[in-house]
């Protein structure tokens, strides 16, 4: 089944590429539009994962998002309608889960491990589909790599031990990340965002000094909030 799905979606990608080329050279005529073609990079992998992965929730959400983006890009629906329909689908999804699935957890999927990098112990955290609150109180904090999607993640560093410099490297999508920092800690922010943003809500903003915390990475369709 996995091999057959791979062949099918491989042929689908090839066909899409051929149609794209024919449209560029004018063979298909002006009535053929390639608007929203980039959504295939969301829809096709999610379709493939739907048939090959044990977890069906993520691929289904990805397909819905891809289809909504395609409809908006082709001006079938407005961008405002896209967000409203997306939120409605999320509500429907939770309703279906409550009705037809016995186990319903708000904690989602979470995995954490320690890796050694440049002589430092770096945490690698993966969090999705739920709400996670992580406190580093009393712990020596040198850095963390975060992958968060379709959920809420809070990193509490108020009582963490930061001796010199530390970092948070974010890769967040379709969700929110809240970073709570201690008063007086210098924070350097270099996060790129697409369809999202970073809000610095610290009461006292210190930009330089030692110790410091560097917040880097990228956010898509989500937001990062930094506060004390």
N, C-alpha and C. Protein backbone atom coordinates (compact mmCIF):
# COMPACT_ATOMS: atom_id res chain seq x y z
N UNK A 1 0.82 -1.20 0.00
CA UNK A 1 0.00 0.00 0.00
C UNK A 1 0.85 1.25 0.00
N UNK A 2 1.92 1.23 0.82
CA UNK A 2 2.81 2.38 0.92
C UNK A 2 3.50 2.64 -0.41
N UNK A 3 3.96 1.57 -1.08
CA UNK A 3 4.64 1.71 -2.36
C UNK A 3 3.68 2.23 -3.42
N UNK A 4 2.45 1.72 -3.41
CA UNK A 4 1.45 2.16 -4.39
C UNK A 4 1.11 3.63 -4.20
N UNK A 5 0.97 4.06 -2.95
CA UNK A 5 0.67 5.47 -2.67
C UNK A 5 1.81 6.37 -3.14
N UNK A 6 3.04 5.90 -2.93
CA UNK A 6 4.20 6.68 -3.35
C UNK A 6 4.21 6.86 -4.86
N UNK A 7 3.87 5.81 -5.59
CA UNK A 7 3.83 5.88 -7.06
C UNK A 7 2.73 6.83 -7.52
N UNK A 8 1.55 6.72 -6.90
CA UNK A 8 0.41 7.56 -7.29
C UNK A 8 0.74 9.04 -7.10
N UNK A 9 1.26 9.39 -5.94
CA UNK A 9 1.53 10.80 -5.67
C UNK A 9 2.75 11.29 -6.43
N UNK A 10 3.67 10.39 -6.73
CA UNK A 10 4.78 10.79 -7.60
C UNK A 10 4.29 11.15 -8.99
N UNK A 11 3.39 10.34 -9.54
CA UNK A 11 2.81 10.63 -10.85
C UNK A 11 1.98 11.91 -10.81
N UNK A 12 1.30 12.14 -9.69
CA UNK A 12 0.50 13.36 -9.56
C UNK A 12 1.38 14.60 -9.60
N UNK A 13 2.53 14.54 -8.94
CA UNK A 13 3.46 15.67 -8.96
C UNK A 13 4.02 15.90 -10.36
N UNK A 14 4.36 14.80 -11.04
CA UNK A 14 4.87 14.93 -12.41
C UNK A 14 3.82 15.55 -13.32
N UNK A 15 2.56 15.09 -13.19
CA UNK A 15 1.48 15.65 -14.01
C UNK A 15 1.27 17.12 -13.73
N UNK A 16 1.34 17.50 -12.45
CA UNK A 16 1.18 18.92 -12.09
C UNK A 16 2.29 19.76 -12.71
N UNK A 17 3.51 19.23 -12.69
CA UNK A 17 4.63 19.96 -13.27
C UNK A 17 4.49 20.12 -14.78
N UNK A 18 4.02 19.08 -15.45
CA UNK A 18 3.82 19.14 -16.89
C UNK A 18 2.74 20.16 -17.24
N UNK A 19 1.63 20.14 -16.51
CA UNK A 19 0.56 21.11 -16.74
C UNK A 19 1.04 22.53 -16.51
N UNK A 20 1.89 22.70 -15.52
CA UNK A 20 2.45 24.02 -15.23
C UNK A 20 3.28 24.52 -16.41
N UNK A 21 4.14 23.65 -16.96
CA UNK A 21 4.98 24.02 -18.10
C UNK A 21 4.12 24.35 -19.32
N UNK A 22 3.09 23.53 -19.58
CA UNK A 22 2.20 23.78 -20.72
C UNK A 22 1.46 25.11 -20.57
N UNK A 23 1.12 25.46 -19.33
CA UNK A 23 0.46 26.74 -19.10
C UNK A 23 1.41 27.90 -19.36
N UNK A 24 2.69 27.74 -18.95
CA UNK A 24 3.67 28.81 -19.14
C UNK A 24 3.91 29.09 -20.61
N UNK A 25 4.01 28.03 -21.42
CA UNK A 25 4.29 28.22 -22.85
C UNK A 25 3.04 28.53 -23.66
N UNK A 26 1.87 28.52 -23.00
CA UNK A 26 0.63 28.92 -23.68
C UNK A 26 -0.14 27.82 -24.36
N UNK A 27 0.26 26.57 -24.19
CA UNK A 27 -0.43 25.46 -24.85
C UNK A 27 -1.85 25.29 -24.32
N UNK A 28 -2.04 25.50 -23.02
CA UNK A 28 -3.34 25.28 -22.41
C UNK A 28 -4.29 26.48 -22.54
N UNK A 29 -3.78 27.59 -23.03
CA UNK A 29 -4.65 28.75 -23.21
C UNK A 29 -4.72 29.60 -21.96
N UNK A 30 -5.26 30.80 -22.12
CA UNK A 30 -5.30 31.77 -21.03
C UNK A 30 -6.32 31.41 -19.96
N UNK A 31 -7.29 30.54 -20.30
CA UNK A 31 -8.32 30.22 -19.32
C UNK A 31 -7.81 29.29 -18.22
N UNK A 32 -6.67 28.64 -18.45
CA UNK A 32 -6.11 27.75 -17.44
C UNK A 32 -5.28 28.57 -16.46
N UNK A 33 -5.59 28.46 -15.18
CA UNK A 33 -4.91 29.26 -14.16
C UNK A 33 -4.10 28.37 -13.22
N UNK A 34 -2.91 28.83 -12.88
CA UNK A 34 -2.06 28.10 -11.94
C UNK A 34 -2.05 28.78 -10.57
N UNK A 35 -3.02 29.65 -10.33
CA UNK A 35 -3.09 30.32 -9.04
C UNK A 35 -3.20 29.29 -7.92
N UNK A 36 -2.39 29.48 -6.91
CA UNK A 36 -2.45 28.60 -5.75
C UNK A 36 -1.72 27.29 -5.93
N UNK A 37 -0.89 27.17 -6.98
CA UNK A 37 -0.19 25.92 -7.23
C UNK A 37 0.69 25.52 -6.05
N UNK A 38 1.19 26.54 -5.31
CA UNK A 38 2.10 26.27 -4.20
C UNK A 38 1.42 25.49 -3.07
N UNK A 39 0.08 25.50 -3.02
CA UNK A 39 -0.61 24.74 -1.97
C UNK A 39 -0.46 23.23 -2.16
N UNK A 40 -0.05 22.81 -3.36
CA UNK A 40 0.19 21.38 -3.59
C UNK A 40 1.30 20.85 -2.68
N UNK A 41 2.23 21.74 -2.30
CA UNK A 41 3.31 21.32 -1.42
C UNK A 41 2.80 21.05 0.00
N UNK A 42 1.57 21.48 0.29
CA UNK A 42 0.92 21.14 1.56
C UNK A 42 -0.01 19.96 1.38
N UNK A 43 -0.83 20.01 0.33
CA UNK A 43 -1.89 19.02 0.13
C UNK A 43 -1.32 17.64 -0.20
N UNK A 44 -0.39 17.58 -1.16
CA UNK A 44 0.11 16.28 -1.62
C UNK A 44 0.84 15.50 -0.52
N UNK A 45 1.78 16.11 0.21
CA UNK A 45 2.42 15.34 1.29
C UNK A 45 1.44 14.88 2.37
N UNK A 46 0.42 15.72 2.64
CA UNK A 46 -0.57 15.33 3.65
C UNK A 46 -1.44 14.18 3.16
N UNK A 47 -1.77 14.18 1.86
CA UNK A 47 -2.51 13.06 1.29
C UNK A 47 -1.69 11.78 1.38
N UNK A 48 -0.43 11.88 1.08
CA UNK A 48 0.45 10.71 1.16
C UNK A 48 0.53 10.20 2.60
N UNK A 49 0.68 11.14 3.57
CA UNK A 49 0.76 10.75 4.98
C UNK A 49 -0.54 10.14 5.47
N UNK A 50 -1.66 10.59 4.90
CA UNK A 50 -2.96 10.07 5.31
C UNK A 50 -3.07 8.56 5.05
N UNK A 51 -2.44 8.10 3.96
CA UNK A 51 -2.51 6.69 3.60
C UNK A 51 -1.38 5.86 4.21
N UNK A 52 -0.31 6.52 4.65
CA UNK A 52 0.87 5.77 5.09
C UNK A 52 1.14 5.85 6.59
N UNK A 53 0.69 6.95 7.25
CA UNK A 53 0.98 7.12 8.68
C UNK A 53 -0.15 6.56 9.53
N UNK A 54 0.20 6.15 10.72
CA UNK A 54 -0.81 5.68 11.68
C UNK A 54 -1.64 6.83 12.23
N UNK A 55 -0.99 7.98 12.41
CA UNK A 55 -1.69 9.16 12.91
C UNK A 55 -2.41 9.85 11.76
N UNK A 56 -3.73 9.89 11.80
CA UNK A 56 -4.52 10.47 10.71
C UNK A 56 -4.92 11.92 10.99
N UNK A 57 -4.81 12.35 12.24
CA UNK A 57 -5.29 13.68 12.62
C UNK A 57 -4.48 14.77 11.93
N UNK A 58 -3.16 14.67 12.02
CA UNK A 58 -2.29 15.69 11.42
C UNK A 58 -2.50 15.83 9.92
N UNK A 59 -2.45 14.73 9.16
CA UNK A 59 -2.69 14.83 7.72
C UNK A 59 -4.04 15.42 7.36
N UNK A 60 -5.08 15.06 8.11
CA UNK A 60 -6.42 15.61 7.82
C UNK A 60 -6.45 17.11 8.02
N UNK A 61 -5.83 17.58 9.10
CA UNK A 61 -5.76 19.02 9.34
C UNK A 61 -4.97 19.71 8.24
N UNK A 62 -3.84 19.10 7.85
CA UNK A 62 -3.02 19.67 6.78
C UNK A 62 -3.76 19.77 5.46
N UNK A 63 -4.54 18.73 5.13
CA UNK A 63 -5.32 18.74 3.88
C UNK A 63 -6.35 19.85 3.91
N UNK A 64 -7.06 19.99 5.02
CA UNK A 64 -8.07 21.05 5.14
C UNK A 64 -7.44 22.43 4.98
N UNK A 65 -6.29 22.63 5.63
CA UNK A 65 -5.60 23.92 5.52
C UNK A 65 -5.15 24.17 4.09
N UNK A 66 -4.59 23.14 3.44
CA UNK A 66 -4.14 23.28 2.06
C UNK A 66 -5.27 23.62 1.11
N UNK A 67 -6.41 22.94 1.28
CA UNK A 67 -7.57 23.20 0.41
C UNK A 67 -8.10 24.61 0.62
N UNK A 68 -8.17 25.05 1.88
CA UNK A 68 -8.64 26.41 2.16
C UNK A 68 -7.71 27.45 1.56
N UNK A 69 -6.40 27.22 1.67
CA UNK A 69 -5.43 28.14 1.07
C UNK A 69 -5.56 28.17 -0.45
N UNK A 70 -5.82 27.00 -1.04
CA UNK A 70 -6.01 26.93 -2.49
C UNK A 70 -7.24 27.72 -2.92
N UNK A 71 -8.35 27.54 -2.20
CA UNK A 71 -9.59 28.26 -2.54
C UNK A 71 -9.41 29.77 -2.39
N UNK A 72 -8.67 30.18 -1.36
CA UNK A 72 -8.44 31.61 -1.15
C UNK A 72 -7.52 32.17 -2.23
N UNK A 73 -6.48 31.41 -2.58
CA UNK A 73 -5.54 31.87 -3.60
C UNK A 73 -6.21 32.02 -4.97
N UNK A 74 -7.20 31.17 -5.24
CA UNK A 74 -7.92 31.23 -6.50
C UNK A 74 -9.15 32.13 -6.43
N UNK A 75 -9.26 32.85 -5.29
CA UNK A 75 -10.31 33.85 -5.08
C UNK A 75 -11.72 33.25 -5.12
N UNK A 76 -11.82 31.96 -4.79
CA UNK A 76 -13.14 31.33 -4.67
C UNK A 76 -13.77 31.74 -3.34
N UNK A 77 -12.92 31.85 -2.31
CA UNK A 77 -13.34 32.43 -1.03
C UNK A 77 -12.36 33.53 -0.68
N UNK A 78 -12.76 34.42 0.22
CA UNK A 78 -11.86 35.49 0.65
C UNK A 78 -10.92 34.96 1.73
N UNK A 79 -9.83 35.69 1.97
CA UNK A 79 -8.89 35.28 3.00
C UNK A 79 -9.55 35.33 4.38
N UNK A 80 -10.44 36.31 4.58
CA UNK A 80 -11.16 36.39 5.84
C UNK A 80 -12.05 35.18 6.04
N UNK A 81 -12.74 34.77 4.97
CA UNK A 81 -13.58 33.58 5.04
C UNK A 81 -12.74 32.33 5.32
N UNK A 82 -11.54 32.30 4.77
CA UNK A 82 -10.67 31.14 4.96
C UNK A 82 -10.39 30.91 6.44
N UNK A 83 -10.03 31.99 7.16
CA UNK A 83 -9.74 31.86 8.58
C UNK A 83 -10.98 31.45 9.36
N UNK A 84 -12.13 32.02 9.00
CA UNK A 84 -13.37 31.69 9.70
C UNK A 84 -13.76 30.24 9.48
N UNK A 85 -13.64 29.78 8.23
CA UNK A 85 -13.95 28.37 7.94
C UNK A 85 -12.96 27.45 8.64
N UNK A 86 -11.69 27.85 8.67
CA UNK A 86 -10.68 27.04 9.33
C UNK A 86 -10.98 26.86 10.81
N UNK A 87 -11.37 27.94 11.49
CA UNK A 87 -11.72 27.84 12.90
C UNK A 87 -12.96 26.97 13.10
N UNK A 88 -13.93 27.11 12.17
CA UNK A 88 -15.14 26.28 12.26
C UNK A 88 -14.80 24.79 12.11
N UNK A 89 -13.88 24.47 11.20
CA UNK A 89 -13.47 23.08 11.00
C UNK A 89 -12.77 22.52 12.24
N UNK A 90 -11.99 23.37 12.92
CA UNK A 90 -11.32 22.93 14.14
C UNK A 90 -12.36 22.58 15.21
N UNK A 91 -13.40 23.44 15.33
CA UNK A 91 -14.47 23.18 16.29
C UNK A 91 -15.17 21.86 15.96
N UNK A 92 -15.46 21.66 14.65
CA UNK A 92 -16.11 20.42 14.22
C UNK A 92 -15.23 19.22 14.53
N UNK A 93 -13.94 19.36 14.30
CA UNK A 93 -13.02 18.25 14.57
C UNK A 93 -13.00 17.85 16.03
N UNK A 94 -12.98 18.84 16.93
CA UNK A 94 -13.01 18.52 18.36
C UNK A 94 -14.33 17.86 18.73
N UNK A 95 -15.43 18.31 18.11
CA UNK A 95 -16.73 17.70 18.37
C UNK A 95 -16.77 16.24 17.96
N UNK A 96 -16.22 15.95 16.79
CA UNK A 96 -16.17 14.56 16.32
C UNK A 96 -15.32 13.70 17.24
N UNK A 97 -14.20 14.28 17.71
CA UNK A 97 -13.33 13.53 18.60
C UNK A 97 -14.03 13.19 19.91
N UNK A 98 -14.80 14.15 20.44
CA UNK A 98 -15.52 13.92 21.69
C UNK A 98 -16.61 12.87 21.53
N UNK A 99 -17.26 12.84 20.35
CA UNK A 99 -18.38 11.92 20.13
C UNK A 99 -17.95 10.50 19.81
N UNK A 100 -16.87 10.37 19.01
CA UNK A 100 -16.55 9.05 18.45
C UNK A 100 -15.27 8.43 18.97
N UNK A 101 -14.48 9.20 19.75
CA UNK A 101 -13.24 8.64 20.26
C UNK A 101 -13.28 8.63 21.78
N UNK A 102 -13.00 7.49 22.37
CA UNK A 102 -13.09 7.35 23.82
C UNK A 102 -12.00 8.15 24.53
N UNK A 103 -10.84 8.16 23.94
CA UNK A 103 -9.72 8.84 24.59
C UNK A 103 -9.55 10.21 23.95
N UNK A 104 -9.63 11.21 24.78
CA UNK A 104 -9.44 12.58 24.30
C UNK A 104 -8.53 13.31 25.27
N UNK A 105 -7.35 13.61 24.85
CA UNK A 105 -6.38 14.26 25.72
C UNK A 105 -6.05 15.64 25.23
N UNK A 106 -5.97 16.60 26.17
CA UNK A 106 -5.62 17.96 25.80
C UNK A 106 -4.11 18.17 25.80
N UNK A 107 -3.37 17.10 26.14
CA UNK A 107 -1.92 17.25 26.25
C UNK A 107 -1.20 17.04 24.92
N UNK A 108 -1.88 16.47 23.94
CA UNK A 108 -1.30 16.32 22.63
C UNK A 108 -0.10 15.38 22.62
N UNK A 109 0.81 15.66 21.69
CA UNK A 109 2.01 14.83 21.52
C UNK A 109 3.22 15.63 21.98
N UNK A 110 4.03 15.02 22.82
CA UNK A 110 5.19 15.73 23.37
C UNK A 110 6.38 14.79 23.46
N UNK A 111 7.54 15.30 23.07
CA UNK A 111 8.76 14.51 23.16
C UNK A 111 9.92 15.44 23.49
N UNK A 112 10.76 15.03 24.41
CA UNK A 112 11.92 15.84 24.81
C UNK A 112 13.14 14.96 24.94
N UNK A 113 14.27 15.46 24.46
CA UNK A 113 15.53 14.73 24.62
C UNK A 113 16.67 15.74 24.75
N UNK A 114 17.78 15.27 25.30
CA UNK A 114 18.97 16.10 25.51
C UNK A 114 20.03 15.71 24.49
N UNK A 115 20.57 16.70 23.79
CA UNK A 115 21.65 16.45 22.85
C UNK A 115 22.85 17.32 23.22
N UNK A 116 24.03 16.84 22.90
CA UNK A 116 25.26 17.58 23.19
C UNK A 116 25.71 18.33 21.95
N UNK A 117 25.92 19.64 22.11
CA UNK A 117 26.33 20.46 20.98
C UNK A 117 27.29 21.55 21.46
N UNK A 118 28.47 21.57 20.88
CA UNK A 118 29.49 22.57 21.23
C UNK A 118 29.78 22.58 22.74
N UNK A 119 29.78 21.40 23.33
CA UNK A 119 30.07 21.31 24.75
C UNK A 119 28.93 21.69 25.66
N UNK A 120 27.74 21.91 25.10
CA UNK A 120 26.58 22.29 25.89
C UNK A 120 25.51 21.21 25.81
N UNK A 121 24.70 21.13 26.87
CA UNK A 121 23.57 20.21 26.87
C UNK A 121 22.34 20.96 26.37
N UNK A 122 21.91 20.62 25.16
CA UNK A 122 20.81 21.32 24.51
C UNK A 122 19.57 20.43 24.51
N UNK A 123 18.45 20.98 24.94
CA UNK A 123 17.20 20.25 24.89
C UNK A 123 16.58 20.35 23.50
N UNK A 124 15.99 19.27 23.06
CA UNK A 124 15.24 19.27 21.80
C UNK A 124 13.81 18.88 22.13
N UNK A 125 12.88 19.78 21.86
CA UNK A 125 11.49 19.58 22.25
C UNK A 125 10.60 19.57 21.01
N UNK A 126 9.74 18.56 20.92
CA UNK A 126 8.73 18.50 19.87
C UNK A 126 7.36 18.43 20.53
N UNK A 127 6.49 19.38 20.18
CA UNK A 127 5.17 19.46 20.80
C UNK A 127 4.12 19.76 19.74
N UNK A 128 2.99 19.05 19.78
CA UNK A 128 1.94 19.29 18.81
C UNK A 128 0.59 18.85 19.37
N UNK A 129 -0.46 19.48 18.86
CA UNK A 129 -1.84 19.10 19.16
C UNK A 129 -2.12 19.06 20.67
N UNK A 130 -1.93 20.16 21.32
CA UNK A 130 -2.25 20.21 22.74
C UNK A 130 -1.64 21.43 23.40
N UNK A 131 -1.70 21.45 24.72
CA UNK A 131 -1.17 22.55 25.51
C UNK A 131 -0.09 22.02 26.43
N UNK A 132 1.10 22.61 26.36
CA UNK A 132 2.21 22.19 27.20
C UNK A 132 2.76 23.40 27.94
N UNK A 133 3.05 23.23 29.24
CA UNK A 133 3.67 24.27 30.05
C UNK A 133 4.93 23.66 30.67
N UNK A 134 6.09 24.20 30.30
CA UNK A 134 7.37 23.65 30.75
C UNK A 134 8.09 24.68 31.62
N UNK A 135 8.47 24.26 32.81
CA UNK A 135 9.21 25.12 33.73
C UNK A 135 10.63 24.61 33.87
N UNK A 136 11.59 25.55 33.85
CA UNK A 136 13.00 25.18 33.98
C UNK A 136 13.56 25.68 35.32
N UNK A 137 12.69 25.80 36.30
CA UNK A 137 13.08 26.30 37.61
C UNK A 137 14.18 25.43 38.23
N UNK A 138 15.26 26.08 38.67
CA UNK A 138 16.36 25.38 39.32
C UNK A 138 17.26 24.60 38.39
N UNK A 139 17.01 24.68 37.08
CA UNK A 139 17.80 23.93 36.12
C UNK A 139 18.80 24.84 35.40
N UNK A 140 19.95 24.27 35.08
CA UNK A 140 20.94 25.00 34.30
C UNK A 140 20.46 25.05 32.86
N UNK A 141 20.13 26.23 32.36
CA UNK A 141 19.55 26.36 31.03
C UNK A 141 20.58 26.96 30.08
N UNK A 142 20.95 26.15 29.05
CA UNK A 142 21.92 26.62 28.05
C UNK A 142 21.29 26.83 26.68
N UNK A 143 20.26 26.08 26.37
CA UNK A 143 19.61 26.26 25.08
C UNK A 143 18.57 25.19 24.83
N UNK A 144 17.66 25.51 23.90
CA UNK A 144 16.61 24.56 23.57
C UNK A 144 16.19 24.75 22.11
N UNK A 145 16.02 23.64 21.41
CA UNK A 145 15.44 23.64 20.07
C UNK A 145 13.97 23.25 20.21
N UNK A 146 13.09 24.06 19.65
CA UNK A 146 11.66 23.82 19.82
C UNK A 146 10.99 23.65 18.46
N UNK A 147 10.25 22.56 18.32
CA UNK A 147 9.38 22.35 17.16
C UNK A 147 7.95 22.23 17.69
N UNK A 148 7.13 23.23 17.41
CA UNK A 148 5.77 23.26 17.94
C UNK A 148 4.78 23.50 16.81
N UNK A 149 3.70 22.73 16.80
CA UNK A 149 2.70 22.89 15.74
C UNK A 149 1.33 22.53 16.27
N UNK A 150 0.33 23.24 15.78
CA UNK A 150 -1.07 22.94 16.10
C UNK A 150 -1.29 22.81 17.61
N UNK A 151 -0.81 23.79 18.36
CA UNK A 151 -1.01 23.72 19.79
C UNK A 151 -0.45 24.95 20.49
N UNK A 152 -0.36 24.85 21.82
CA UNK A 152 0.14 25.94 22.64
C UNK A 152 1.29 25.43 23.50
N UNK A 153 2.39 26.18 23.52
CA UNK A 153 3.56 25.80 24.29
C UNK A 153 4.05 26.99 25.10
N UNK A 154 4.26 26.78 26.41
CA UNK A 154 4.77 27.83 27.29
C UNK A 154 6.11 27.38 27.87
N UNK A 155 7.13 28.22 27.73
CA UNK A 155 8.45 27.97 28.30
C UNK A 155 8.68 28.97 29.42
N UNK A 156 8.77 28.49 30.65
CA UNK A 156 8.91 29.35 31.82
C UNK A 156 10.36 29.32 32.29
N UNK A 157 11.07 30.45 32.10
CA UNK A 157 12.49 30.54 32.45
C UNK A 157 12.74 31.42 33.66
N UNK A 158 11.68 31.78 34.39
CA UNK A 158 11.83 32.76 35.47
C UNK A 158 12.82 32.33 36.54
N UNK A 159 12.87 31.06 36.87
CA UNK A 159 13.78 30.59 37.91
C UNK A 159 14.86 29.67 37.34
N UNK A 160 15.08 29.76 36.04
CA UNK A 160 16.14 28.96 35.42
C UNK A 160 17.51 29.58 35.71
N UNK A 161 18.55 28.75 35.67
CA UNK A 161 19.92 29.22 35.91
C UNK A 161 20.59 29.47 34.56
N UNK A 162 20.80 30.74 34.21
CA UNK A 162 21.47 31.11 32.96
C UNK A 162 22.75 31.81 33.34
N UNK A 163 23.88 31.12 33.21
CA UNK A 163 25.14 31.65 33.70
C UNK A 163 25.76 32.67 32.75
N UNK A 164 25.68 32.42 31.46
CA UNK A 164 26.32 33.32 30.49
C UNK A 164 25.32 33.66 29.40
N UNK A 165 25.28 32.84 28.37
CA UNK A 165 24.33 33.04 27.28
C UNK A 165 23.55 31.77 27.00
N UNK A 166 22.30 31.94 26.63
CA UNK A 166 21.44 30.80 26.29
C UNK A 166 20.60 31.19 25.08
N UNK A 167 19.98 30.20 24.47
CA UNK A 167 19.19 30.47 23.28
C UNK A 167 17.93 29.62 23.25
N UNK A 168 16.94 30.11 22.49
CA UNK A 168 15.75 29.33 22.15
C UNK A 168 15.61 29.41 20.64
N UNK A 169 15.72 28.27 19.98
CA UNK A 169 15.60 28.19 18.53
C UNK A 169 14.22 27.63 18.20
N UNK A 170 13.35 28.48 17.65
CA UNK A 170 11.97 28.11 17.43
C UNK A 170 11.69 27.71 15.99
N UNK A 171 10.82 26.73 15.85
CA UNK A 171 10.21 26.40 14.56
C UNK A 171 8.74 26.09 14.87
N UNK A 172 7.91 27.14 14.79
CA UNK A 172 6.53 27.02 15.22
C UNK A 172 5.58 27.30 14.06
N UNK A 173 4.49 26.53 14.02
CA UNK A 173 3.51 26.72 12.96
C UNK A 173 2.12 26.38 13.47
N UNK A 174 1.15 27.17 13.05
CA UNK A 174 -0.25 26.92 13.38
C UNK A 174 -0.46 26.75 14.89
N UNK A 175 0.10 27.69 15.65
CA UNK A 175 -0.05 27.63 17.09
C UNK A 175 0.64 28.80 17.74
N UNK A 176 0.77 28.75 19.06
CA UNK A 176 1.40 29.84 19.79
C UNK A 176 2.44 29.36 20.76
N UNK A 177 3.48 30.18 20.95
CA UNK A 177 4.53 29.90 21.91
C UNK A 177 4.66 31.10 22.84
N UNK A 178 4.61 30.85 24.14
CA UNK A 178 4.79 31.90 25.14
C UNK A 178 6.10 31.65 25.88
N UNK A 179 6.94 32.67 25.96
CA UNK A 179 8.23 32.57 26.64
C UNK A 179 8.22 33.53 27.81
N UNK A 180 8.34 33.00 29.03
CA UNK A 180 8.34 33.82 30.23
C UNK A 180 9.78 33.95 30.72
N UNK A 181 10.29 35.18 30.76
CA UNK A 181 11.68 35.42 31.12
C UNK A 181 11.75 36.19 32.45
N UNK A 182 12.86 36.03 33.18
CA UNK A 182 12.99 36.77 34.45
C UNK A 182 13.24 38.25 34.21
N UNK A 183 12.90 39.06 35.20
CA UNK A 183 13.16 40.50 35.14
C UNK A 183 14.67 40.75 35.03
N UNK A 184 15.05 41.70 34.19
CA UNK A 184 16.44 42.11 34.08
C UNK A 184 17.28 41.27 33.14
N UNK A 185 16.75 40.18 32.62
CA UNK A 185 17.51 39.35 31.69
C UNK A 185 17.54 40.00 30.31
N UNK A 186 18.73 40.13 29.74
CA UNK A 186 18.84 40.68 28.39
C UNK A 186 18.30 39.68 27.38
N UNK A 187 17.46 40.16 26.47
CA UNK A 187 16.84 39.30 25.48
C UNK A 187 17.09 39.85 24.09
N UNK A 188 17.65 39.01 23.23
CA UNK A 188 17.88 39.38 21.83
C UNK A 188 16.90 38.59 20.98
N UNK A 189 16.11 39.29 20.15
CA UNK A 189 15.05 38.63 19.38
C UNK A 189 15.37 38.71 17.89
N UNK A 190 15.42 37.55 17.24
CA UNK A 190 15.66 37.49 15.79
C UNK A 190 14.82 36.36 15.22
N UNK A 191 13.52 36.58 15.23
CA UNK A 191 12.57 35.57 14.76
C UNK A 191 11.89 36.08 13.49
N UNK A 192 11.94 35.29 12.43
CA UNK A 192 11.24 35.64 11.20
C UNK A 192 9.85 35.01 11.23
N UNK A 193 8.87 35.72 10.68
CA UNK A 193 7.50 35.21 10.74
C UNK A 193 6.79 35.41 9.42
N UNK A 194 5.91 34.47 9.10
CA UNK A 194 5.04 34.56 7.95
C UNK A 194 3.62 34.26 8.39
N UNK A 195 2.70 35.18 8.12
CA UNK A 195 1.33 35.03 8.59
C UNK A 195 1.30 34.84 10.10
N UNK A 196 2.10 35.63 10.81
CA UNK A 196 2.18 35.55 12.26
C UNK A 196 3.00 36.71 12.78
N UNK A 197 3.45 36.62 14.01
CA UNK A 197 4.24 37.72 14.55
C UNK A 197 4.79 37.41 15.91
N UNK A 198 5.62 38.34 16.40
CA UNK A 198 6.26 38.24 17.70
C UNK A 198 5.86 39.46 18.53
N UNK A 199 5.35 39.22 19.74
CA UNK A 199 4.96 40.30 20.64
C UNK A 199 5.87 40.30 21.86
N UNK A 200 6.58 41.42 22.06
CA UNK A 200 7.47 41.56 23.21
C UNK A 200 6.73 42.34 24.29
N UNK A 201 6.18 41.63 25.26
CA UNK A 201 5.35 42.25 26.31
C UNK A 201 6.07 42.33 27.65
N UNK A 202 7.39 42.36 27.63
CA UNK A 202 8.15 42.49 28.88
C UNK A 202 7.89 43.84 29.53
N UNK A 203 7.81 43.86 30.85
CA UNK A 203 7.61 45.12 31.56
C UNK A 203 8.84 46.01 31.44
N UNK A 204 10.03 45.39 31.58
CA UNK A 204 11.29 46.11 31.44
C UNK A 204 12.10 45.41 30.35
N UNK A 205 12.41 46.14 29.29
CA UNK A 205 13.09 45.52 28.15
C UNK A 205 14.58 45.83 28.19
N UNK A 206 15.37 44.78 28.40
CA UNK A 206 16.82 44.87 28.39
C UNK A 206 17.32 44.19 27.13
N UNK A 207 18.05 44.91 26.30
CA UNK A 207 18.46 44.38 24.99
C UNK A 207 19.86 43.79 24.98
N UNK A 208 20.74 44.23 25.90
CA UNK A 208 22.12 43.74 25.89
C UNK A 208 22.62 43.56 27.31
N UNK A 209 23.66 42.75 27.42
CA UNK A 209 24.24 42.49 28.73
C UNK A 209 24.49 41.01 28.93
N UNK A 210 24.95 40.66 30.12
CA UNK A 210 25.23 39.26 30.46
C UNK A 210 24.65 38.98 31.83
N UNK A 211 23.97 37.88 31.99
CA UNK A 211 23.64 36.86 30.98
C UNK A 211 22.58 37.35 30.00
N UNK A 212 22.43 36.61 28.90
CA UNK A 212 21.46 37.00 27.89
C UNK A 212 20.75 35.76 27.34
N UNK A 213 19.61 36.02 26.72
CA UNK A 213 18.84 34.97 26.06
C UNK A 213 18.60 35.39 24.63
N UNK A 214 19.01 34.56 23.68
CA UNK A 214 18.77 34.83 22.25
C UNK A 214 17.59 33.98 21.78
N UNK A 215 16.57 34.64 21.24
CA UNK A 215 15.40 33.94 20.71
C UNK A 215 15.43 34.05 19.20
N UNK A 216 15.62 32.94 18.52
CA UNK A 216 15.78 32.93 17.08
C UNK A 216 14.81 31.91 16.47
N UNK A 217 14.78 31.85 15.14
CA UNK A 217 13.97 30.84 14.47
C UNK A 217 12.93 31.45 13.56
N UNK A 218 11.88 30.71 13.31
CA UNK A 218 10.84 31.15 12.38
C UNK A 218 9.47 30.68 12.84
N UNK A 219 8.47 31.48 12.52
CA UNK A 219 7.09 31.20 12.92
C UNK A 219 6.20 31.38 11.70
N UNK A 220 5.31 30.42 11.47
CA UNK A 220 4.37 30.52 10.37
C UNK A 220 2.97 30.23 10.84
N UNK A 221 2.02 31.12 10.48
CA UNK A 221 0.62 30.94 10.88
C UNK A 221 0.52 30.75 12.39
N UNK A 222 1.21 31.59 13.13
CA UNK A 222 1.17 31.51 14.59
C UNK A 222 1.79 32.73 15.21
N UNK A 223 2.02 32.68 16.50
CA UNK A 223 2.57 33.82 17.18
C UNK A 223 3.46 33.43 18.34
N UNK A 224 4.36 34.35 18.70
CA UNK A 224 5.25 34.19 19.84
C UNK A 224 5.04 35.39 20.77
N UNK A 225 4.85 35.09 22.04
CA UNK A 225 4.68 36.15 23.05
C UNK A 225 5.80 36.01 24.08
N UNK A 226 6.50 37.13 24.32
CA UNK A 226 7.57 37.16 25.33
C UNK A 226 7.12 38.08 26.44
N UNK A 227 7.14 37.57 27.67
CA UNK A 227 6.70 38.38 28.80
C UNK A 227 7.46 38.00 30.07
N UNK A 228 7.30 38.82 31.11
CA UNK A 228 7.92 38.54 32.40
C UNK A 228 6.96 37.73 33.26
